[in-house]
All heavy atoms as atom14 arrays in JSON, in Angstrom:
{
  "sequence": "PGKEREFVAGITWSGSRTSYADSVLGRFAISRDDAKSTVYLQMNN",
  "atom14_mask": [
    [1, 1, 1, 1, 1, 1, 1, 0, 0, 0, 0, 0, 0, 0],
    [1, 1, 1, 1, 0, 0, 0, 0, 0, 0, 0, 0, 0, 0],
    [1, 1, 1, 1, 1, 1, 1, 1, 1, 0, 0, 0, 0, 0],
    [1, 1, 1, 1, 1, 1, 1, 1, 1, 0, 0, 0, 0, 0],
    [1, 1, 1, 1, 1, 1, 1, 1, 1, 1, 1, 0, 0, 0],
    [1, 1, 1, 1, 1, 1, 1, 1, 1, 0, 0, 0, 0, 0],
    [1, 1, 1, 1, 1, 1, 1, 1, 1, 1, 1, 0, 0, 0],
    [1, 1, 1, 1, 1, 1, 1, 0, 0, 0, 0, 0, 0, 0],
    [1, 1, 1, 1, 1, 0, 0, 0, 0, 0, 0, 0, 0, 0],
    [1, 1, 1, 1, 0, 0, 0, 0, 0, 0, 0, 0, 0, 0],
    [1, 1, 1, 1, 1, 1, 1, 1, 0, 0, 0, 0, 0, 0],
    [1, 1, 1, 1, 1, 1, 1, 0, 0, 0, 0, 0, 0, 0],
    [1, 1, 1, 1, 1, 1, 1, 1, 1, 1, 1, 1, 1, 1],
    [1, 1, 1, 1, 1, 1, 0, 0, 0, 0, 0, 0, 0, 0],
    [1, 1, 1, 1, 0, 0, 0, 0, 0, 0, 0, 0, 0, 0],
    [1, 1, 1, 1, 1, 1, 0, 0, 0, 0, 0, 0, 0, 0],
    [1, 1, 1, 1, 1, 1, 1, 1, 1, 1, 1, 0, 0, 0],
    [1, 1, 1, 1, 1, 1, 1, 0, 0, 0, 0, 0, 0, 0],
    [1, 1, 1, 1, 1, 1, 0, 0, 0, 0, 0, 0, 0, 0],
    [1, 1, 1, 1, 1, 1, 1, 1, 1, 1, 1, 1, 0, 0],
    [1, 1, 1, 1, 1, 0, 0, 0, 0, 0, 0, 0, 0, 0],
    [1, 1, 1, 1, 1, 1, 1, 1, 0, 0, 0, 0, 0, 0],
    [1, 1, 1, 1, 1, 1, 0, 0, 0, 0, 0, 0, 0, 0],
    [1, 1, 1, 1, 1, 1, 1, 0, 0, 0, 0, 0, 0, 0],
    [1, 1, 1, 1, 1, 1, 1, 1, 0, 0, 0, 0, 0, 0],
    [1, 1, 1, 1, 0, 0, 0, 0, 0, 0, 0, 0, 0, 0],
    [1, 1, 1, 1, 1, 1, 1, 1, 1, 1, 1, 0, 0, 0],
    [1, 1, 1, 1, 1, 1, 1, 1, 1, 1, 1, 0, 0, 0],
    [1, 1, 1, 1, 1, 0, 0, 0, 0, 0, 0, 0, 0, 0],
    [1, 1, 1, 1, 1, 1, 1, 1, 0, 0, 0, 0, 0, 0],
    [1, 1, 1, 1, 1, 1, 0, 0, 0, 0, 0, 0, 0, 0],
    [1, 1, 1, 1, 1, 1, 1, 1, 1, 1, 1, 0, 0, 0],
    [1, 1, 1, 1, 1, 1, 1, 1, 0, 0, 0, 0, 0, 0],
    [1, 1, 1, 1, 1, 1, 1, 1, 0, 0, 0, 0, 0, 0],
    [1, 1, 1, 1, 1, 0, 0, 0, 0, 0, 0, 0, 0, 0],
    [1, 1, 1, 1, 1, 1, 1, 1, 1, 0, 0, 0, 0, 0],
    [1, 1, 1, 1, 1, 1, 0, 0, 0, 0, 0, 0, 0, 0],
    [1, 1, 1, 1, 1, 1, 1, 0, 0, 0, 0, 0, 0, 0],
    [1, 1, 1, 1, 1, 1, 1, 0, 0, 0, 0, 0, 0, 0],
    [1, 1, 1, 1, 1, 1, 1, 1, 1, 1, 1, 1, 0, 0],
    [1, 1, 1, 1, 1, 1, 1, 1, 0, 0, 0, 0, 0, 0],
    [1, 1, 1, 1, 1, 1, 1, 1, 1, 0, 0, 0, 0, 0],
    [1, 1, 1, 1, 1, 1, 1, 1, 0, 0, 0, 0, 0, 0],
    [1, 1, 1, 1, 1, 1, 1, 1, 0, 0, 0, 0, 0, 0],
    [1, 1, 1, 1, 1, 1, 1, 1, 0, 0, 0, 0, 0, 0]
  ],
  "atom14_positions": [
    [[43.12, 4.03, 9.4], [44.12, 4.27, 8.24], [43.85, 3.14, 7.13], [43.81, 2.01, 7.33], [45.49, 3.97, 9.01], [45.15, 4.33, 10.35], [43.78, 3.89, 10.7], [0.0, 0.0, 0.0], [0.0, 0.0, 0.0], [0.0, 0.0, 0.0], [0.0, 0.0, 0.0], [0.0, 0.0, 0.0], [0.0, 0.0, 0.0], [0.0, 0.0, 0.0]],
    [[43.82, 3.75, 5.97], [43.72, 2.75, 4.8], [42.35, 2.34, 4.57], [42.11, 1.51, 3.55], [0.0, 0.0, 0.0], [0.0, 0.0, 0.0], [0.0, 0.0, 0.0], [0.0, 0.0, 0.0], [0.0, 0.0, 0.0], [0.0, 0.0, 0.0], [0.0, 0.0, 0.0], [0.0, 0.0, 0.0], [0.0, 0.0, 0.0], [0.0, 0.0, 0.0]],
    [[41.43, 2.7, 5.34], [40.03, 2.28, 5.12], [39.09, 3.36, 4.9], [39.37, 4.56, 5.16], [39.51, 1.52, 6.34], [40.3, 0.2, 6.69], [39.77, -0.53, 7.86], [40.41, -1.89, 8.09], [39.87, -2.63, 9.13], [0.0, 0.0, 0.0], [0.0, 0.0, 0.0], [0.0, 0.0, 0.0], [0.0, 0.0, 0.0], [0.0, 0.0, 0.0]],
    [[37.89, 3.15, 4.44], [36.9, 4.06, 4.13], [36.17, 4.4, 5.48], [36.15, 3.78, 6.35], [35.94, 3.54, 3.15], [36.41, 3.28, 1.72], [35.35, 2.97, 0.75], [34.2, 2.7, 1.08], [35.64, 2.84, -0.42], [0.0, 0.0, 0.0], [0.0, 0.0, 0.0], [0.0, 0.0, 0.0], [0.0, 0.0, 0.0], [0.0, 0.0, 0.0]],
    [[35.66, 5.71, 5.39], [34.8, 6.15, 6.52], [33.61, 5.18, 6.59], [32.93, 4.98, 5.73], [34.44, 7.6, 6.34], [33.77, 8.21, 7.55], [33.84, 9.75, 7.39], [35.14, 10.32, 7.24], [35.32, 11.65, 7.24], [34.32, 12.51, 7.35], [36.6, 12.07, 7.01], [0.0, 0.0, 0.0], [0.0, 0.0, 0.0], [0.0, 0.0, 0.0]],
    [[33.25, 4.79, 7.85], [32.23, 3.98, 8.14], [31.24, 4.44, 9.22], [31.69, 5.21, 10.16], [32.66, 2.56, 8.51], [33.4, 2.49, 9.85], [33.78, 1.01, 10.12], [33.41, 0.03, 9.41], [34.3, 0.82, 11.29], [0.0, 0.0, 0.0], [0.0, 0.0, 0.0], [0.0, 0.0, 0.0], [0.0, 0.0, 0.0], [0.0, 0.0, 0.0]],
    [[30.03, 4.22, 9.21], [28.99, 4.53, 10.09], [29.18, 3.87, 11.44], [29.56, 2.62, 11.4], [27.62, 4.16, 9.54], [26.51, 4.4, 10.49], [25.97, 5.74, 10.73], [25.98, 3.35, 11.13], [24.95, 5.85, 11.61], [24.91, 3.53, 12.09], [24.39, 4.68, 12.25], [0.0, 0.0, 0.0], [0.0, 0.0, 0.0], [0.0, 0.0, 0.0]],
    [[29.1, 4.56, 12.43], [29.17, 4.05, 13.84], [27.8, 3.99, 14.59], [27.43, 2.99, 15.06], [30.29, 4.73, 14.65], [30.37, 4.18, 16.12], [31.7, 4.58, 14.07], [0.0, 0.0, 0.0], [0.0, 0.0, 0.0], [0.0, 0.0, 0.0], [0.0, 0.0, 0.0], [0.0, 0.0, 0.0], [0.0, 0.0, 0.0], [0.0, 0.0, 0.0]],
    [[27.28, 5.17, 14.58], [25.96, 5.35, 15.43], [25.27, 6.63, 14.89], [25.92, 7.54, 14.4], [26.25, 5.48, 16.9], [0.0, 0.0, 0.0], [0.0, 0.0, 0.0], [0.0, 0.0, 0.0], [0.0, 0.0, 0.0], [0.0, 0.0, 0.0], [0.0, 0.0, 0.0], [0.0, 0.0, 0.0], [0.0, 0.0, 0.0], [0.0, 0.0, 0.0]],
    [[23.9, 6.62, 14.99], [23.14, 7.74, 14.5], [21.95, 7.97, 15.56], [21.55, 7.0, 16.22], [0.0, 0.0, 0.0], [0.0, 0.0, 0.0], [0.0, 0.0, 0.0], [0.0, 0.0, 0.0], [0.0, 0.0, 0.0], [0.0, 0.0, 0.0], [0.0, 0.0, 0.0], [0.0, 0.0, 0.0], [0.0, 0.0, 0.0], [0.0, 0.0, 0.0]],
    [[21.55, 9.17, 15.51], [20.38, 9.52, 16.42], [19.49, 10.5, 15.7], [19.97, 11.31, 15.09], [20.95, 10.08, 17.8], [19.88, 10.31, 18.8], [21.71, 11.38, 17.58], [20.34, 10.51, 20.2], [0.0, 0.0, 0.0], [0.0, 0.0, 0.0], [0.0, 0.0, 0.0], [0.0, 0.0, 0.0], [0.0, 0.0, 0.0], [0.0, 0.0, 0.0]],
    [[18.15, 10.32, 15.9], [17.23, 11.17, 15.26], [17.16, 12.49, 15.9], [17.7, 12.73, 16.94], [15.85, 10.51, 15.17], [15.53, 10.1, 16.63], [15.86, 9.14, 14.39], [0.0, 0.0, 0.0], [0.0, 0.0, 0.0], [0.0, 0.0, 0.0], [0.0, 0.0, 0.0], [0.0, 0.0, 0.0], [0.0, 0.0, 0.0], [0.0, 0.0, 0.0]],
    [[16.49, 13.37, 15.24], [16.37, 14.78, 15.81], [15.72, 14.75, 17.15], [16.25, 15.56, 17.97], [15.5, 15.64, 14.84], [14.09, 15.36, 14.85], [13.4, 14.43, 14.17], [13.14, 16.02, 15.68], [12.06, 14.39, 14.57], [11.78, 15.4, 15.49], [13.12, 17.07, 16.61], [10.74, 15.76, 16.02], [12.02, 17.48, 17.22], [10.81, 16.84, 16.98]],
    [[14.83, 13.91, 17.51], [14.17, 13.93, 18.78], [14.96, 13.04, 19.85], [14.61, 13.16, 20.91], [12.73, 13.36, 18.49], [12.88, 12.02, 18.18], [0.0, 0.0, 0.0], [0.0, 0.0, 0.0], [0.0, 0.0, 0.0], [0.0, 0.0, 0.0], [0.0, 0.0, 0.0], [0.0, 0.0, 0.0], [0.0, 0.0, 0.0], [0.0, 0.0, 0.0]],
    [[15.9, 12.34, 19.31], [16.54, 11.37, 20.24], [15.75, 10.07, 20.49], [16.21, 9.19, 21.26], [0.0, 0.0, 0.0], [0.0, 0.0, 0.0], [0.0, 0.0, 0.0], [0.0, 0.0, 0.0], [0.0, 0.0, 0.0], [0.0, 0.0, 0.0], [0.0, 0.0, 0.0], [0.0, 0.0, 0.0], [0.0, 0.0, 0.0], [0.0, 0.0, 0.0]],
    [[14.59, 9.85, 19.83], [13.75, 8.79, 20.12], [14.3, 7.54, 19.43], [13.93, 6.33, 19.91], [12.37, 9.06, 19.7], [12.34, 9.3, 18.26], [0.0, 0.0, 0.0], [0.0, 0.0, 0.0], [0.0, 0.0, 0.0], [0.0, 0.0, 0.0], [0.0, 0.0, 0.0], [0.0, 0.0, 0.0], [0.0, 0.0, 0.0], [0.0, 0.0, 0.0]],
    [[15.13, 7.66, 18.42], [15.72, 6.53, 17.75], [17.15, 6.59, 17.56], [17.66, 7.64, 17.26], [14.95, 6.34, 16.34], [13.54, 6.02, 16.29], [13.04, 5.77, 14.93], [11.65, 5.68, 14.83], [10.89, 5.47, 13.78], [11.57, 5.19, 12.64], [9.59, 5.25, 13.81], [0.0, 0.0, 0.0], [0.0, 0.0, 0.0], [0.0, 0.0, 0.0]],
    [[17.73, 5.53, 17.81], [19.22, 5.46, 17.61], [19.54, 4.12, 16.74], [18.69, 3.21, 16.68], [20.0, 5.37, 18.93], [19.47, 4.16, 19.6], [19.9, 6.54, 19.8], [0.0, 0.0, 0.0], [0.0, 0.0, 0.0], [0.0, 0.0, 0.0], [0.0, 0.0, 0.0], [0.0, 0.0, 0.0], [0.0, 0.0, 0.0], [0.0, 0.0, 0.0]],
    [[20.65, 4.11, 16.01], [21.05, 3.02, 15.32], [22.54, 2.79, 15.42], [23.27, 3.75, 15.78], [20.68, 3.11, 13.86], [21.23, 4.19, 13.17], [0.0, 0.0, 0.0], [0.0, 0.0, 0.0], [0.0, 0.0, 0.0], [0.0, 0.0, 0.0], [0.0, 0.0, 0.0], [0.0, 0.0, 0.0], [0.0, 0.0, 0.0], [0.0, 0.0, 0.0]],
    [[23.02, 1.58, 15.33], [24.37, 1.34, 15.41], [24.94, 0.35, 14.4], [24.27, -0.52, 13.92], [24.61, 0.68, 16.87], [24.24, 1.47, 18.02], [22.97, 1.6, 18.58], [25.2, 2.52, 18.45], [22.54, 2.39, 19.52], [24.84, 3.37, 19.47], [23.53, 3.3, 19.94], [23.17, 4.23, 21.01], [0.0, 0.0, 0.0], [0.0, 0.0, 0.0]],
    [[26.15, 0.47, 14.15], [26.88, -0.63, 13.29], [26.83, -1.87, 14.21], [27.03, -1.8, 15.33], [28.31, -0.13, 12.97], [0.0, 0.0, 0.0], [0.0, 0.0, 0.0], [0.0, 0.0, 0.0], [0.0, 0.0, 0.0], [0.0, 0.0, 0.0], [0.0, 0.0, 0.0], [0.0, 0.0, 0.0], [0.0, 0.0, 0.0], [0.0, 0.0, 0.0]],
    [[26.83, -2.94, 13.47], [26.86, -4.18, 14.15], [28.18, -4.38, 15.03], [28.08, -4.98, 16.04], [26.83, -5.42, 13.12], [25.45, -5.47, 12.49], [24.44, -5.01, 12.99], [25.29, -6.15, 11.46], [0.0, 0.0, 0.0], [0.0, 0.0, 0.0], [0.0, 0.0, 0.0], [0.0, 0.0, 0.0], [0.0, 0.0, 0.0], [0.0, 0.0, 0.0]],
    [[29.27, -3.86, 14.55], [30.53, -4.08, 15.3], [30.54, -3.32, 16.66], [31.38, -3.57, 17.45], [31.64, -3.48, 14.32], [31.55, -2.08, 13.98], [0.0, 0.0, 0.0], [0.0, 0.0, 0.0], [0.0, 0.0, 0.0], [0.0, 0.0, 0.0], [0.0, 0.0, 0.0], [0.0, 0.0, 0.0], [0.0, 0.0, 0.0], [0.0, 0.0, 0.0]],
    [[29.6, -2.39, 16.86], [29.7, -1.62, 18.05], [28.37, -1.8, 18.84], [28.35, -1.28, 20.02], [29.91, -0.11, 17.83], [31.07, 0.05, 17.05], [28.69, 0.55, 17.26], [0.0, 0.0, 0.0], [0.0, 0.0, 0.0], [0.0, 0.0, 0.0], [0.0, 0.0, 0.0], [0.0, 0.0, 0.0], [0.0, 0.0, 0.0], [0.0, 0.0, 0.0]],
    [[27.46, -2.46, 18.38], [26.18, -2.77, 19.01], [26.36, -3.37, 20.33], [27.03, -4.36, 20.5], [25.26, -3.62, 18.22], [23.71, -3.69, 18.56], [23.11, -2.36, 18.58], [23.05, -4.74, 17.73], [0.0, 0.0, 0.0], [0.0, 0.0, 0.0], [0.0, 0.0, 0.0], [0.0, 0.0, 0.0], [0.0, 0.0, 0.0], [0.0, 0.0, 0.0]],
    [[25.75, -2.76, 21.41], [25.97, -3.33, 22.81], [27.13, -2.8, 23.49], [27.29, -3.06, 24.62], [0.0, 0.0, 0.0], [0.0, 0.0, 0.0], [0.0, 0.0, 0.0], [0.0, 0.0, 0.0], [0.0, 0.0, 0.0], [0.0, 0.0, 0.0], [0.0, 0.0, 0.0], [0.0, 0.0, 0.0], [0.0, 0.0, 0.0], [0.0, 0.0, 0.0]],
    [[27.97, -2.18, 22.8], [29.24, -1.47, 23.47], [29.17, 0.08, 23.38], [29.7, 0.72, 24.29], [30.48, -2.02, 22.76], [30.66, -3.5, 22.78], [31.98, -3.96, 22.26], [32.26, -3.63, 20.92], [33.14, -2.84, 20.37], [34.09, -2.32, 21.27], [33.25, -2.51, 19.18], [0.0, 0.0, 0.0], [0.0, 0.0, 0.0], [0.0, 0.0, 0.0]],
    [[28.65, 0.57, 22.38], [28.65, 2.02, 22.26], [27.19, 2.53, 22.34], [26.32, 1.87, 22.01], [29.19, 2.48, 20.77], [30.59, 2.2, 20.49], [31.47, 1.5, 21.41], [31.26, 2.7, 19.39], [32.78, 1.29, 21.19], [32.51, 2.52, 19.16], [33.28, 1.82, 20.09], [0.0, 0.0, 0.0], [0.0, 0.0, 0.0], [0.0, 0.0, 0.0]],
    [[27.18, 3.78, 22.9], [25.85, 4.47, 22.99], [25.99, 5.89, 22.55], [26.81, 6.63, 23.1], [25.39, 4.26, 24.31], [0.0, 0.0, 0.0], [0.0, 0.0, 0.0], [0.0, 0.0, 0.0], [0.0, 0.0, 0.0], [0.0, 0.0, 0.0], [0.0, 0.0, 0.0], [0.0, 0.0, 0.0], [0.0, 0.0, 0.0], [0.0, 0.0, 0.0]],
    [[25.0, 6.29, 21.65], [24.97, 7.71, 21.2], [23.85, 8.39, 21.99], [22.72, 7.85, 22.26], [24.62, 7.83, 19.73], [24.82, 9.26, 19.16], [23.45, 7.14, 19.31], [24.71, 9.38, 17.58], [0.0, 0.0, 0.0], [0.0, 0.0, 0.0], [0.0, 0.0, 0.0], [0.0, 0.0, 0.0], [0.0, 0.0, 0.0], [0.0, 0.0, 0.0]],
    [[24.13, 9.57, 22.25], [23.06, 10.48, 22.93], [23.27, 11.9, 22.53], [24.26, 12.32, 22.04], [23.19, 10.24, 24.66], [24.43, 10.76, 25.02], [0.0, 0.0, 0.0], [0.0, 0.0, 0.0], [0.0, 0.0, 0.0], [0.0, 0.0, 0.0], [0.0, 0.0, 0.0], [0.0, 0.0, 0.0], [0.0, 0.0, 0.0], [0.0, 0.0, 0.0]],
    [[22.15, 12.75, 22.88], [22.28, 14.17, 22.6], [21.74, 14.99, 23.7], [20.86, 14.5, 24.36], [21.59, 14.37, 21.24], [20.01, 14.17, 21.32], [19.48, 14.24, 19.83], [19.68, 15.57, 19.3], [19.73, 15.76, 17.95], [19.59, 14.73, 17.14], [19.93, 17.06, 17.54], [0.0, 0.0, 0.0], [0.0, 0.0, 0.0], [0.0, 0.0, 0.0]],
    [[22.34, 16.08, 23.9], [21.86, 17.06, 24.86], [21.75, 18.38, 24.07], [22.64, 19.18, 23.91], [22.86, 17.33, 25.92], [22.45, 18.27, 27.04], [21.49, 19.04, 26.8], [22.96, 18.11, 28.23], [0.0, 0.0, 0.0], [0.0, 0.0, 0.0], [0.0, 0.0, 0.0], [0.0, 0.0, 0.0], [0.0, 0.0, 0.0], [0.0, 0.0, 0.0]],
    [[20.45, 18.59, 23.57], [20.28, 19.86, 22.66], [20.44, 21.06, 23.42], [20.8, 22.16, 22.86], [18.84, 19.68, 22.11], [18.71, 18.63, 21.12], [19.81, 18.15, 20.52], [17.62, 18.19, 20.88], [0.0, 0.0, 0.0], [0.0, 0.0, 0.0], [0.0, 0.0, 0.0], [0.0, 0.0, 0.0], [0.0, 0.0, 0.0], [0.0, 0.0, 0.0]],
    [[20.18, 21.1, 24.67], [20.41, 22.35, 25.44], [21.92, 22.75, 25.44], [22.11, 24.04, 25.54], [19.94, 22.15, 26.93], [0.0, 0.0, 0.0], [0.0, 0.0, 0.0], [0.0, 0.0, 0.0], [0.0, 0.0, 0.0], [0.0, 0.0, 0.0], [0.0, 0.0, 0.0], [0.0, 0.0, 0.0], [0.0, 0.0, 0.0], [0.0, 0.0, 0.0]],
    [[22.7, 21.81, 25.26], [24.18, 22.05, 25.31], [24.71, 21.94, 23.85], [25.88, 22.14, 23.62], [24.95, 21.1, 26.1], [24.63, 21.21, 27.64], [25.53, 20.14, 28.42], [25.17, 20.34, 29.89], [26.01, 19.42, 30.72], [0.0, 0.0, 0.0], [0.0, 0.0, 0.0], [0.0, 0.0, 0.0], [0.0, 0.0, 0.0], [0.0, 0.0, 0.0]],
    [[23.82, 21.7, 22.93], [24.17, 21.57, 21.44], [25.3, 20.54, 21.36], [26.31, 20.8, 20.63], [24.66, 22.95, 20.96], [23.61, 23.78, 20.75], [0.0, 0.0, 0.0], [0.0, 0.0, 0.0], [0.0, 0.0, 0.0], [0.0, 0.0, 0.0], [0.0, 0.0, 0.0], [0.0, 0.0, 0.0], [0.0, 0.0, 0.0], [0.0, 0.0, 0.0]],
    [[25.22, 19.48, 22.06], [26.29, 18.5, 22.03], [25.64, 17.09, 21.82], [24.63, 16.83, 22.35], [27.06, 18.5, 23.38], [27.56, 19.92, 23.66], [28.17, 17.53, 23.47], [0.0, 0.0, 0.0], [0.0, 0.0, 0.0], [0.0, 0.0, 0.0], [0.0, 0.0, 0.0], [0.0, 0.0, 0.0], [0.0, 0.0, 0.0], [0.0, 0.0, 0.0]],
    [[26.47, 16.22, 21.02], [26.08, 14.86, 20.95], [27.28, 14.07, 21.59], [28.53, 14.54, 21.43], [25.95, 14.55, 19.46], [25.8, 13.08, 19.25], [24.79, 15.3, 18.92], [0.0, 0.0, 0.0], [0.0, 0.0, 0.0], [0.0, 0.0, 0.0], [0.0, 0.0, 0.0], [0.0, 0.0, 0.0], [0.0, 0.0, 0.0], [0.0, 0.0, 0.0]],
    [[27.0, 12.97, 22.05], [28.0, 12.16, 22.76], [28.02, 10.71, 22.16], [27.07, 10.2, 21.57], [27.71, 12.0, 24.22], [27.52, 13.3, 24.9], [26.32, 13.88, 25.14], [28.68, 14.04, 25.43], [26.21, 15.1, 25.93], [28.55, 15.16, 26.05], [27.29, 15.72, 26.26], [27.23, 16.98, 26.95], [0.0, 0.0, 0.0], [0.0, 0.0, 0.0]],
    [[29.23, 10.2, 22.2], [29.37, 8.82, 21.91], [30.09, 8.06, 23.11], [31.32, 8.27, 23.3], [30.21, 8.5, 20.69], [30.24, 7.14, 20.13], [28.85, 6.47, 19.73], [31.2, 6.91, 19.06], [0.0, 0.0, 0.0], [0.0, 0.0, 0.0], [0.0, 0.0, 0.0], [0.0, 0.0, 0.0], [0.0, 0.0, 0.0], [0.0, 0.0, 0.0]],
    [[29.29, 7.28, 23.86], [29.94, 6.65, 24.94], [30.4, 5.22, 24.42], [29.73, 4.44, 23.86], [28.87, 6.33, 26.0], [29.45, 5.49, 27.31], [30.45, 6.19, 28.1], [30.34, 7.42, 28.26], [31.45, 5.39, 28.4], [0.0, 0.0, 0.0], [0.0, 0.0, 0.0], [0.0, 0.0, 0.0], [0.0, 0.0, 0.0], [0.0, 0.0, 0.0]],
    [[31.7, 5.02, 24.6], [32.39, 3.73, 24.12], [32.89, 2.96, 25.27], [33.74, 3.34, 26.07], [33.6, 4.26, 23.3], [33.3, 5.17, 22.14], [34.82, 5.89, 21.33], [35.52, 4.44, 20.77], [0.0, 0.0, 0.0], [0.0, 0.0, 0.0], [0.0, 0.0, 0.0], [0.0, 0.0, 0.0], [0.0, 0.0, 0.0], [0.0, 0.0, 0.0]],
    [[32.27, 1.69, 25.33], [32.52, 0.82, 26.44], [33.28, -0.48, 25.86], [32.95, -0.82, 24.74], [31.39, 0.45, 27.23], [30.73, 1.71, 27.92], [31.42, 2.64, 28.44], [29.54, 1.63, 28.1], [0.0, 0.0, 0.0], [0.0, 0.0, 0.0], [0.0, 0.0, 0.0], [0.0, 0.0, 0.0], [0.0, 0.0, 0.0], [0.0, 0.0, 0.0]],
    [[33.94, -1.14, 26.7], [34.61, -2.45, 26.33], [35.27, -2.24, 24.86], [34.98, -3.05, 24.0], [33.43, -3.46, 26.22], [34.1, -4.93, 26.08], [35.23, -5.12, 26.43], [33.28, -5.75, 25.51], [0.0, 0.0, 0.0], [0.0, 0.0, 0.0], [0.0, 0.0, 0.0], [0.0, 0.0, 0.0], [0.0, 0.0, 0.0], [0.0, 0.0, 0.0]]
  ]
}
């Protein structure tokens, strides 16, 4: 609320590369399952 939209995590088409905002690095993980047409964001801690 009251803030701009910010990047959290990204994943390439192949899934071979991922990137994260510094604020979530080491805590969040992005993944994709193309067979299910679904992308996930695992949020820990």
